[in-house]
Amino acid sequence: MTTLYVANCTKQTRLFTYMFVENPKPFHHKILAGTQIKIEGSDFEIDQIVKQHEIYGMQLADKVTKGFSGLAYRLNKVISLDAIQAGFSQKDQEIIDT
């Protein structure tokens, strides 16, 4: 069993949607600004979810850099408040720099 934590580092609510190969019914989770959700599943299921969202910019919380999309993830460990706030600050700093 693997646990996926997904943090919303934006200042708006995000709807996190994913599907599994064996069950095409979409699953939805609302992630409020600055919060995170927890999804538990098999290694295969969690890998499917991550691959569905990495192509849209979701990144490992430890690798957030300039151009960050706003969703960060970590496996089997809660994402710290500092990391979520860094996502907020990253976006604000990019706006100031442009």
PDB file of N, CA and C in Angstrom:
ATOM      1  N   MET A   1       0.853  -1.181   0.000  1.00  0.00           N
ATOM      2  CA  MET A   1       0.000   0.000   0.000  1.00  0.00           C
ATOM      3  C   MET A   1       0.895   1.238   0.000  1.00  0.00           C
ATOM      4  N   THR A   2       0.597   2.149  -0.888  1.00  0.00           N
ATOM      5  CA  THR A   2       1.338   3.408  -1.012  1.00  0.00           C
ATOM      6  C   THR A   2       0.384   4.565  -0.749  1.00  0.00           C
ATOM      7  N   THR A   3       0.911   5.627  -0.162  1.00  0.00           N
ATOM      8  CA  THR A   3       0.121   6.822   0.092  1.00  0.00           C
ATOM      9  C   THR A   3       0.677   7.962  -0.747  1.00  0.00           C
ATOM     10  N   LEU A   4      -0.194   8.622  -1.476  1.00  0.00           N
ATOM     11  CA  LEU A   4       0.158   9.779  -2.300  1.00  0.00           C
ATOM     12  C   LEU A   4      -0.414  11.021  -1.641  1.00  0.00           C
ATOM     13  N   TYR A   5       0.441  11.998  -1.383  1.00  0.00           N
ATOM     14  CA  TYR A   5       0.003  13.296  -0.877  1.00  0.00           C
ATOM     15  C   TYR A   5       0.123  14.287  -2.014  1.00  0.00           C
ATOM     16  N   VAL A   6      -0.941  15.032  -2.273  1.00  0.00           N
ATOM     17  CA  VAL A   6      -0.945  16.045  -3.324  1.00  0.00           C
ATOM     18  C   VAL A   6      -1.289  17.382  -2.680  1.00  0.00           C
ATOM     19  N   ALA A   7      -0.394  18.354  -2.841  1.00  0.00           N
ATOM     20  CA  ALA A   7      -0.584  19.679  -2.241  1.00  0.00           C
ATOM     21  C   ALA A   7      -0.920  20.699  -3.328  1.00  0.00           C
ATOM     22  N   ASN A   8      -1.834  21.573  -2.996  1.00  0.00           N
ATOM     23  CA  ASN A   8      -2.215  22.674  -3.868  1.00  0.00           C
ATOM     24  C   ASN A   8      -1.479  23.916  -3.392  1.00  0.00           C
ATOM     25  N   CYS A   9      -0.451  24.303  -4.126  1.00  0.00           N
ATOM     26  CA  CYS A   9       0.365  25.462  -3.746  1.00  0.00           C
ATOM     27  C   CYS A   9      -0.075  26.719  -4.478  1.00  0.00           C
ATOM     28  N   THR A  10      -1.305  26.741  -4.938  1.00  0.00           N
ATOM     29  CA  THR A  10      -1.843  27.929  -5.583  1.00  0.00           C
ATOM     30  C   THR A  10      -2.784  28.625  -4.612  1.00  0.00           C
ATOM     31  N   LYS A  11      -3.281  29.774  -5.024  1.00  0.00           N
ATOM     32  CA  LYS A  11      -4.188  30.533  -4.170  1.00  0.00           C
ATOM     33  C   LYS A  11      -5.637  30.356  -4.585  1.00  0.00           C
ATOM     34  N   GLN A  12      -5.912  29.260  -5.281  1.00  0.00           N
ATOM     35  CA  GLN A  12      -7.286  28.960  -5.676  1.00  0.00           C
ATOM     36  C   GLN A  12      -7.559  27.475  -5.474  1.00  0.00           C
ATOM     37  N   THR A  13      -8.817  27.120  -5.353  1.00  0.00           N
ATOM     38  CA  THR A  13      -9.216  25.722  -5.186  1.00  0.00           C
ATOM     39  C   THR A  13      -8.980  24.971  -6.482  1.00  0.00           C
ATOM     40  N   ARG A  14      -8.467  23.752  -6.385  1.00  0.00           N
ATOM     41  CA  ARG A  14      -8.223  22.908  -7.561  1.00  0.00           C
ATOM     42  C   ARG A  14      -9.059  21.638  -7.436  1.00  0.00           C
ATOM     43  N   LEU A  15      -9.563  21.159  -8.555  1.00  0.00           N
ATOM     44  CA  LEU A  15     -10.269  19.883  -8.599  1.00  0.00           C
ATOM     45  C   LEU A  15      -9.296  18.858  -9.169  1.00  0.00           C
ATOM     46  N   PHE A  16      -8.900  17.904  -8.350  1.00  0.00           N
ATOM     47  CA  PHE A  16      -7.927  16.884  -8.734  1.00  0.00           C
ATOM     48  C   PHE A  16      -8.703  15.662  -9.210  1.00  0.00           C
ATOM     49  N   THR A  17      -8.586  15.346 -10.489  1.00  0.00           N
ATOM     50  CA  THR A  17      -9.343  14.255 -11.108  1.00  0.00           C
ATOM     51  C   THR A  17      -8.380  13.216 -11.676  1.00  0.00           C
ATOM     52  N   TYR A  18      -8.692  11.951 -11.502  1.00  0.00           N
ATOM     53  CA  TYR A  18      -7.879  10.868 -12.057  1.00  0.00           C
ATOM     54  C   TYR A  18      -8.752   9.661 -12.349  1.00  0.00           C
ATOM     55  N   MET A  19      -8.222   8.762 -13.188  1.00  0.00           N
ATOM     56  CA  MET A  19      -8.921   7.524 -13.534  1.00  0.00           C
ATOM     57  C   MET A  19      -7.919   6.372 -13.487  1.00  0.00           C
ATOM     58  N   PHE A  20      -8.438   5.162 -13.373  1.00  0.00           N
ATOM     59  CA  PHE A  20      -7.623   3.962 -13.421  1.00  0.00           C
ATOM     60  C   PHE A  20      -7.919   3.206 -14.705  1.00  0.00           C
ATOM     61  N   VAL A  21      -6.933   2.480 -15.209  1.00  0.00           N
ATOM     62  CA  VAL A  21      -7.080   1.730 -16.450  1.00  0.00           C
ATOM     63  C   VAL A  21      -8.247   0.745 -16.349  1.00  0.00           C
ATOM     64  N   GLU A  22      -8.346   0.047 -15.231  1.00  0.00           N
ATOM     65  CA  GLU A  22      -9.372  -0.978 -15.079  1.00  0.00           C
ATOM     66  C   GLU A  22     -10.742  -0.418 -14.704  1.00  0.00           C
ATOM     67  N   ASN A  23     -10.814   0.888 -14.366  1.00  0.00           N
ATOM     68  CA  ASN A  23     -12.082   1.512 -13.993  1.00  0.00           C
ATOM     69  C   ASN A  23     -12.102   2.929 -14.566  1.00  0.00           C
ATOM     70  N   PRO A  24     -12.743   3.127 -15.719  1.00  0.00           N
ATOM     71  CA  PRO A  24     -12.703   4.435 -16.373  1.00  0.00           C
ATOM     72  C   PRO A  24     -13.533   5.529 -15.687  1.00  0.00           C
ATOM     73  N   LYS A  25     -14.204   5.193 -14.593  1.00  0.00           N
ATOM     74  CA  LYS A  25     -14.967   6.201 -13.860  1.00  0.00           C
ATOM     75  C   LYS A  25     -14.002   7.190 -13.207  1.00  0.00           C
ATOM     76  N   PRO A  26     -14.165   8.487 -13.463  1.00  0.00           N
ATOM     77  CA  PRO A  26     -13.240   9.449 -12.854  1.00  0.00           C
ATOM     78  C   PRO A  26     -13.498   9.646 -11.363  1.00  0.00           C
ATOM     79  N   PHE A  27     -12.421   9.839 -10.625  1.00  0.00           N
ATOM     80  CA  PHE A  27     -12.478  10.155  -9.206  1.00  0.00           C
ATOM     81  C   PHE A  27     -12.077  11.611  -9.049  1.00  0.00           C
ATOM     82  N   HIS A  28     -12.725  12.329  -8.133  1.00  0.00           N
ATOM     83  CA  HIS A  28     -12.472  13.754  -7.937  1.00  0.00           C
ATOM     84  C   HIS A  28     -12.186  14.033  -6.470  1.00  0.00           C
ATOM     85  N   HIS A  29     -11.247  14.944  -6.250  1.00  0.00           N
ATOM     86  CA  HIS A  29     -10.962  15.449  -4.905  1.00  0.00           C
ATOM     87  C   HIS A  29     -10.787  16.955  -5.016  1.00  0.00           C
ATOM     88  N   LYS A  30     -11.476  17.699  -4.189  1.00  0.00           N
ATOM     89  CA  LYS A  30     -11.302  19.149  -4.145  1.00  0.00           C
ATOM     90  C   LYS A  30     -10.133  19.432  -3.204  1.00  0.00           C
ATOM     91  N   ILE A  31      -9.167  20.216  -3.700  1.00  0.00           N
ATOM     92  CA  ILE A  31      -8.021  20.601  -2.878  1.00  0.00           C
ATOM     93  C   ILE A  31      -8.080  22.114  -2.701  1.00  0.00           C
ATOM     94  N   LEU A  32      -8.376  22.549  -1.504  1.00  0.00           N
ATOM     95  CA  LEU A  32      -8.444  23.973  -1.214  1.00  0.00           C
ATOM     96  C   LEU A  32      -7.050  24.585  -1.286  1.00  0.00           C
ATOM     97  N   ALA A  33      -6.984  25.878  -1.512  1.00  0.00           N
ATOM     98  CA  ALA A  33      -5.709  26.586  -1.591  1.00  0.00           C
ATOM     99  C   ALA A  33      -4.876  26.336  -0.336  1.00  0.00           C
ATOM    100  N   GLY A  34      -3.614  25.964  -0.538  1.00  0.00           N
ATOM    101  CA  GLY A  34      -2.712  25.768   0.583  1.00  0.00           C
ATOM    102  C   GLY A  34      -2.913  24.501   1.377  1.00  0.00           C
ATOM    103  N   THR A  35      -3.712  23.567   0.876  1.00  0.00           N
ATOM    104  CA  THR A  35      -3.944  22.319   1.597  1.00  0.00           C
ATOM    105  C   THR A  35      -3.473  21.133   0.762  1.00  0.00           C
ATOM    106  N   GLN A  36      -3.611  19.949   1.334  1.00  0.00           N
ATOM    107  CA  GLN A  36      -3.231  18.738   0.614  1.00  0.00           C
ATOM    108  C   GLN A  36      -4.240  17.630   0.870  1.00  0.00           C
ATOM    109  N   ILE A  37      -4.215  16.662  -0.037  1.00  0.00           N
ATOM    110  CA  ILE A  37      -5.075  15.487   0.108  1.00  0.00           C
ATOM    111  C   ILE A  37      -4.197  14.252   0.206  1.00  0.00           C
ATOM    112  N   LYS A  38      -4.807  13.176   0.667  1.00  0.00           N
ATOM    113  CA  LYS A  38      -4.118  11.899   0.797  1.00  0.00           C
ATOM    114  C   LYS A  38      -4.916  10.864   0.018  1.00  0.00           C
ATOM    115  N   ILE A  39      -4.223  10.121  -0.851  1.00  0.00           N
ATOM    116  CA  ILE A  39      -4.843   9.040  -1.623  1.00  0.00           C
ATOM    117  C   ILE A  39      -4.033   7.773  -1.359  1.00  0.00           C
ATOM    118  N   GLU A  40      -4.710   6.724  -0.963  1.00  0.00           N
ATOM    119  CA  GLU A  40      -4.035   5.453  -0.721  1.00  0.00           C
ATOM    120  C   GLU A  40      -4.403   4.465  -1.806  1.00  0.00           C
ATOM    121  N   GLY A  41      -3.429   3.649  -2.189  1.00  0.00           N
ATOM    122  CA  GLY A  41      -3.673   2.648  -3.211  1.00  0.00           C
ATOM    123  C   GLY A  41      -2.452   1.774  -3.398  1.00  0.00           C
ATOM    124  N   SER A  42      -2.553   0.860  -4.342  1.00  0.00           N
ATOM    125  CA  SER A  42      -1.412   0.000  -4.648  1.00  0.00           C
ATOM    126  C   SER A  42      -0.333   0.834  -5.339  1.00  0.00           C
ATOM    127  N   ASP A  43       0.863   0.295  -5.400  1.00  0.00           N
ATOM    128  CA  ASP A  43       1.953   0.994  -6.090  1.00  0.00           C
ATOM    129  C   ASP A  43       1.555   1.296  -7.532  1.00  0.00           C
ATOM    130  N   PHE A  44       0.914   0.351  -8.191  1.00  0.00           N
ATOM    131  CA  PHE A  44       0.490   0.517  -9.587  1.00  0.00           C
ATOM    132  C   PHE A  44      -0.536   1.638  -9.727  1.00  0.00           C
ATOM    133  N   GLU A  45      -1.531   1.681  -8.830  1.00  0.00           N
ATOM    134  CA  GLU A  45      -2.558   2.723  -8.896  1.00  0.00           C
ATOM    135  C   GLU A  45      -1.970   4.119  -8.668  1.00  0.00           C
ATOM    136  N   ILE A  46      -1.116   4.232  -7.675  1.00  0.00           N
ATOM    137  CA  ILE A  46      -0.502   5.529  -7.376  1.00  0.00           C
ATOM    138  C   ILE A  46       0.374   5.975  -8.540  1.00  0.00           C
ATOM    139  N   ASP A  47       1.096   5.041  -9.141  1.00  0.00           N
ATOM    140  CA  ASP A  47       1.928   5.362 -10.300  1.00  0.00           C
ATOM    141  C   ASP A  47       1.072   5.884 -11.456  1.00  0.00           C
ATOM    142  N   GLN A  48      -0.096   5.278 -11.666  1.00  0.00           N
ATOM    143  CA  GLN A  48      -1.016   5.751 -12.713  1.00  0.00           C
ATOM    144  C   GLN A  48      -1.449   7.192 -12.458  1.00  0.00           C
ATOM    145  N   ILE A  49      -1.788   7.495 -11.226  1.00  0.00           N
ATOM    146  CA  ILE A  49      -2.243   8.848 -10.877  1.00  0.00           C
ATOM    147  C   ILE A  49      -1.125   9.862 -11.122  1.00  0.00           C
ATOM    148  N   VAL A  50       0.071   9.537 -10.658  1.00  0.00           N
ATOM    149  CA  VAL A  50       1.204  10.455 -10.827  1.00  0.00           C
ATOM    150  C   VAL A  50       1.476  10.692 -12.310  1.00  0.00           C
ATOM    151  N   LYS A  51       1.503   9.639 -13.109  1.00  0.00           N
ATOM    152  CA  LYS A  51       1.783   9.786 -14.540  1.00  0.00           C
ATOM    153  C   LYS A  51       0.710  10.625 -15.240  1.00  0.00           C
ATOM    154  N   GLN A  52      -0.544  10.517 -14.810  1.00  0.00           N
ATOM    155  CA  GLN A  52      -1.615  11.312 -15.418  1.00  0.00           C
ATOM    156  C   GLN A  52      -1.411  12.801 -15.172  1.00  0.00           C
ATOM    157  N   HIS A  53      -0.800  13.163 -14.051  1.00  0.00           N
ATOM    158  CA  HIS A  53      -0.682  14.581 -13.690  1.00  0.00           C
ATOM    159  C   HIS A  53       0.701  15.175 -13.931  1.00  0.00           C
ATOM    160  N   GLU A  54       1.720  14.344 -14.033  1.00  0.00           N
ATOM    161  CA  GLU A  54       3.057  14.883 -14.319  1.00  0.00           C
ATOM    162  C   GLU A  54       3.100  15.577 -15.679  1.00  0.00           C
ATOM    163  N   ILE A  55       2.348  15.068 -16.630  1.00  0.00           N
ATOM    164  CA  ILE A  55       2.356  15.700 -17.959  1.00  0.00           C
ATOM    165  C   ILE A  55       1.735  17.092 -17.939  1.00  0.00           C
ATOM    166  N   TYR A  56       0.993  17.404 -16.882  1.00  0.00           N
ATOM    167  CA  TYR A  56       0.389  18.733 -16.730  1.00  0.00           C
ATOM    168  C   TYR A  56       1.146  19.598 -15.730  1.00  0.00           C
ATOM    169  N   GLY A  57       2.333  19.150 -15.313  1.00  0.00           N
ATOM    170  CA  GLY A  57       3.185  19.980 -14.479  1.00  0.00           C
ATOM    171  C   GLY A  57       3.258  19.636 -13.010  1.00  0.00           C
ATOM    172  N   MET A  58       2.545  18.613 -12.540  1.00  0.00           N
ATOM    173  CA  MET A  58       2.661  18.240 -11.138  1.00  0.00           C
ATOM    174  C   MET A  58       4.081  17.739 -10.896  1.00  0.00           C
ATOM    175  N   GLN A  59       4.705  18.194  -9.806  1.00  0.00           N
ATOM    176  CA  GLN A  59       6.098  17.855  -9.537  1.00  0.00           C
ATOM    177  C   GLN A  59       6.286  17.325  -8.132  1.00  0.00           C
ATOM    178  N   LEU A  60       7.354  16.574  -7.958  1.00  0.00           N
ATOM    179  CA  LEU A  60       7.736  16.146  -6.618  1.00  0.00           C
ATOM    180  C   LEU A  60       7.961  17.383  -5.771  1.00  0.00           C
ATOM    181  N   ALA A  61       7.491  17.367  -4.562  1.00  0.00           N
ATOM    182  CA  ALA A  61       7.607  18.533  -3.679  1.00  0.00           C
ATOM    183  C   ALA A  61       9.063  18.947  -3.490  1.00  0.00           C
ATOM    184  N   ASP A  62       9.978  17.992  -3.524  1.00  0.00           N
ATOM    185  CA  ASP A  62      11.395  18.288  -3.321  1.00  0.00           C
ATOM    186  C   ASP A  62      12.047  18.927  -4.545  1.00  0.00           C
ATOM    187  N   LYS A  63      11.389  18.883  -5.699  1.00  0.00           N
ATOM    188  CA  LYS A  63      11.998  19.371  -6.941  1.00  0.00           C
ATOM    189  C   LYS A  63      11.300  20.596  -7.516  1.00  0.00           C
ATOM    190  N   VAL A  64      10.520  21.280  -6.718  1.00  0.00           N
ATOM    191  CA  VAL A  64       9.808  22.462  -7.193  1.00  0.00           C
ATOM    192  C   VAL A  64      10.825  23.552  -7.516  1.00  0.00           C
ATOM    193  N   THR A  65      10.762  24.042  -8.762  1.00  0.00           N
ATOM    194  CA  THR A  65      11.668  25.090  -9.218  1.00  0.00           C
ATOM    195  C   THR A  65      10.875  26.167  -9.939  1.00  0.00           C
ATOM    196  N   LYS A  66      11.583  27.111 -10.528  1.00  0.00           N
ATOM    197  CA  LYS A  66      10.930  28.185 -11.275  1.00  0.00           C
ATOM    198  C   LYS A  66      10.039  27.580 -12.356  1.00  0.00           C
ATOM    199  N   GLY A  67       8.869  28.136 -12.536  1.00  0.00           N
ATOM    200  CA  GLY A  67       7.908  27.614 -13.499  1.00  0.00           C
ATOM    201  C   GLY A  67       6.973  26.581 -12.890  1.00  0.00           C
ATOM    202  N   PHE A  68       6.977  26.475 -11.583  1.00  0.00           N
ATOM    203  CA  PHE A  68       6.153  25.507 -10.865  1.00  0.00           C
ATOM    204  C   PHE A  68       4.676  25.685 -11.203  1.00  0.00           C
ATOM    205  N   SER A  69       3.975  24.583 -11.454  1.00  0.00           N
ATOM    206  CA  SER A  69       2.582  24.616 -11.898  1.00  0.00           C
ATOM    207  C   SER A  69       1.566  24.791 -10.781  1.00  0.00           C
ATOM    208  N   GLY A  70       1.943  24.490  -9.557  1.00  0.00           N
ATOM    209  CA  GLY A  70       1.003  24.666  -8.460  1.00  0.00           C
ATOM    210  C   GLY A  70       0.598  23.403  -7.745  1.00  0.00           C
ATOM    211  N   LEU A  71       0.790  22.223  -8.339  1.00  0.00           N
ATOM    212  CA  LEU A  71       0.493  20.968  -7.647  1.00  0.00           C
ATOM    213  C   LEU A  71       1.800  20.233  -7.388  1.00  0.00           C
ATOM    214  N   ALA A  72       2.004  19.854  -6.144  1.00  0.00           N
ATOM    215  CA  ALA A  72       3.199  19.108  -5.759  1.00  0.00           C
ATOM    216  C   ALA A  72       2.758  17.805  -5.117  1.00  0.00           C
ATOM    217  N   TYR A  73       3.614  16.786  -5.217  1.00  0.00           N
ATOM    218  CA  TYR A  73       3.257  15.504  -4.603  1.00  0.00           C
ATOM    219  C   TYR A  73       4.446  14.903  -3.884  1.00  0.00           C
ATOM    220  N   ARG A  74       4.131  13.988  -2.994  1.00  0.00           N
ATOM    221  CA  ARG A  74       5.142  13.227  -2.280  1.00  0.00           C
ATOM    222  C   ARG A  74       4.531  11.877  -1.941  1.00  0.00           C
ATOM    223  N   LEU A  75       5.359  10.856  -1.942  1.00  0.00           N
ATOM    224  CA  LEU A  75       4.900   9.509  -1.614  1.00  0.00           C
ATOM    225  C   LEU A  75       5.225   9.180  -0.158  1.00  0.00           C
ATOM    226  N   ASN A  76       4.219   8.661   0.535  1.00  0.00           N
ATOM    227  CA  ASN A  76       4.352   8.116   1.889  1.00  0.00           C
ATOM    228  C   ASN A  76       4.824   9.108   2.947  1.00  0.00           C
ATOM    229  N   LYS A  77       4.791  10.398   2.647  1.00  0.00           N
ATOM    230  CA  LYS A  77       5.203  11.395   3.636  1.00  0.00           C
ATOM    231  C   LYS A  77       4.433  12.686   3.382  1.00  0.00           C
ATOM    232  N   VAL A  78       3.884  13.249   4.437  1.00  0.00           N
ATOM    233  CA  VAL A  78       3.118  14.488   4.345  1.00  0.00           C
ATOM    234  C   VAL A  78       4.018  15.602   3.812  1.00  0.00           C
ATOM    235  N   ILE A  79       3.443  16.476   2.984  1.00  0.00           N
ATOM    236  CA  ILE A  79       4.169  17.630   2.468  1.00  0.00           C
ATOM    237  C   ILE A  79       4.125  18.720   3.529  1.00  0.00           C
ATOM    238  N   SER A  80       5.283  19.257   3.860  1.00  0.00           N
ATOM    239  CA  SER A  80       5.353  20.249   4.928  1.00  0.00           C
ATOM    240  C   SER A  80       4.695  21.559   4.533  1.00  0.00           C
ATOM    241  N   LEU A  81       4.244  22.290   5.521  1.00  0.00           N
ATOM    242  CA  LEU A  81       3.652  23.605   5.295  1.00  0.00           C
ATOM    243  C   LEU A  81       4.669  24.538   4.636  1.00  0.00           C
ATOM    244  N   ASP A  82       5.935  24.414   5.008  1.00  0.00           N
ATOM    245  CA  ASP A  82       6.983  25.243   4.407  1.00  0.00           C
ATOM    246  C   ASP A  82       7.064  25.017   2.897  1.00  0.00           C
ATOM    247  N   ALA A  83       6.953  23.758   2.462  1.00  0.00           N
ATOM    248  CA  ALA A  83       7.012  23.453   1.029  1.00  0.00           C
ATOM    249  C   ALA A  83       5.799  24.038   0.300  1.00  0.00           C
ATOM    250  N   ILE A  84       4.631  23.967   0.916  1.00  0.00           N
ATOM    251  CA  ILE A  84       3.422  24.529   0.293  1.00  0.00           C
ATOM    252  C   ILE A  84       3.552  26.043   0.199  1.00  0.00           C
ATOM    253  N   GLN A  85       4.036  26.680   1.248  1.00  0.00           N
ATOM    254  CA  GLN A  85       4.222  28.129   1.236  1.00  0.00           C
ATOM    255  C   GLN A  85       5.289  28.540   0.229  1.00  0.00           C
ATOM    256  N   ALA A  86       6.285  27.703   0.011  1.00  0.00           N
ATOM    257  CA  ALA A  86       7.316  28.000  -0.990  1.00  0.00           C
ATOM    258  C   ALA A  86       6.686  28.061  -2.378  1.00  0.00           C
ATOM    259  N   GLY A  87       5.695  27.218  -2.625  1.00  0.00           N
ATOM    260  CA  GLY A  87       4.976  27.275  -3.895  1.00  0.00           C
ATOM    261  C   GLY A  87       4.248  28.594  -4.052  1.00  0.00           C
ATOM    262  N   PHE A  88       3.603  29.074  -2.988  1.00  0.00           N
ATOM    263  CA  PHE A  88       2.952  30.390  -3.018  1.00  0.00           C
ATOM    264  C   PHE A  88       3.975  31.469  -3.345  1.00  0.00           C
ATOM    265  N   SER A  89       5.077  31.450  -2.613  1.00  0.00           N
ATOM    266  CA  SER A  89       6.112  32.470  -2.784  1.00  0.00           C
ATOM    267  C   SER A  89       6.730  32.407  -4.173  1.00  0.00           C
ATOM    268  N   GLN A  90       6.913  31.205  -4.695  1.00  0.00           N
ATOM    269  CA  GLN A  90       7.497  31.030  -6.027  1.00  0.00           C
ATOM    270  C   GLN A  90       6.653  31.739  -7.061  1.00  0.00           C
ATOM    271  N   LYS A  91       5.353  31.536  -7.041  1.00  0.00           N
ATOM    272  CA  LYS A  91       4.458  32.182  -7.994  1.00  0.00           C
ATOM    273  C   LYS A  91       4.487  33.697  -7.826  1.00  0.00           C
ATOM    274  N   ASP A  92       4.428  34.179  -6.595  1.00  0.00           N
ATOM    275  CA  ASP A  92       4.459  35.619  -6.349  1.00  0.00           C
ATOM    276  C   ASP A  92       5.749  36.234  -6.867  1.00  0.00           C
ATOM    277  N   GLN A  93       6.871  35.564  -6.623  1.00  0.00           N
ATOM    278  CA  GLN A  93       8.149  36.098  -7.076  1.00  0.00           C
ATOM    279  C   GLN A  93       8.240  36.129  -8.600  1.00  0.00           C
ATOM    280  N   GLU A  94       7.691  35.111  -9.272  1.00  0.00           N
ATOM    281  CA  GLU A  94       7.689  35.105 -10.736  1.00  0.00           C
ATOM    282  C   GLU A  94       6.881  36.290 -11.282  1.00  0.00           C
ATOM    283  N   ILE A  95       5.771  36.606 -10.657  1.00  0.00           N
ATOM    284  CA  ILE A  95       4.952  37.731 -11.092  1.00  0.00           C
ATOM    285  C   ILE A  95       5.713  39.042 -10.892  1.00  0.00           C
ATOM    286  N   ILE A  96       6.398  39.172  -9.776  1.00  0.00           N
ATOM    287  CA  ILE A  96       7.189  40.382  -9.505  1.00  0.00           C
ATOM    288  C   ILE A  96       8.323  40.507 -10.518  1.00  0.00           C
ATOM    289  N   ASP A  97       8.974  39.405 -10.863  1.00  0.00           N
ATOM    290  CA  ASP A  97      10.114  39.422 -11.769  1.00  0.00           C
ATOM    291  C   ASP A  97       9.743  39.756 -13.210  1.00  0.00           C
ATOM    292  N   THR A  98       8.477  39.541 -13.602  1.00  0.00           N
ATOM    293  CA  THR A  98       8.090  39.814 -14.990  1.00  0.00           C
ATOM    294  C   THR A  98       7.619  41.208 -15.221  1.00  0.00           C
TER     295      THR A  98
END
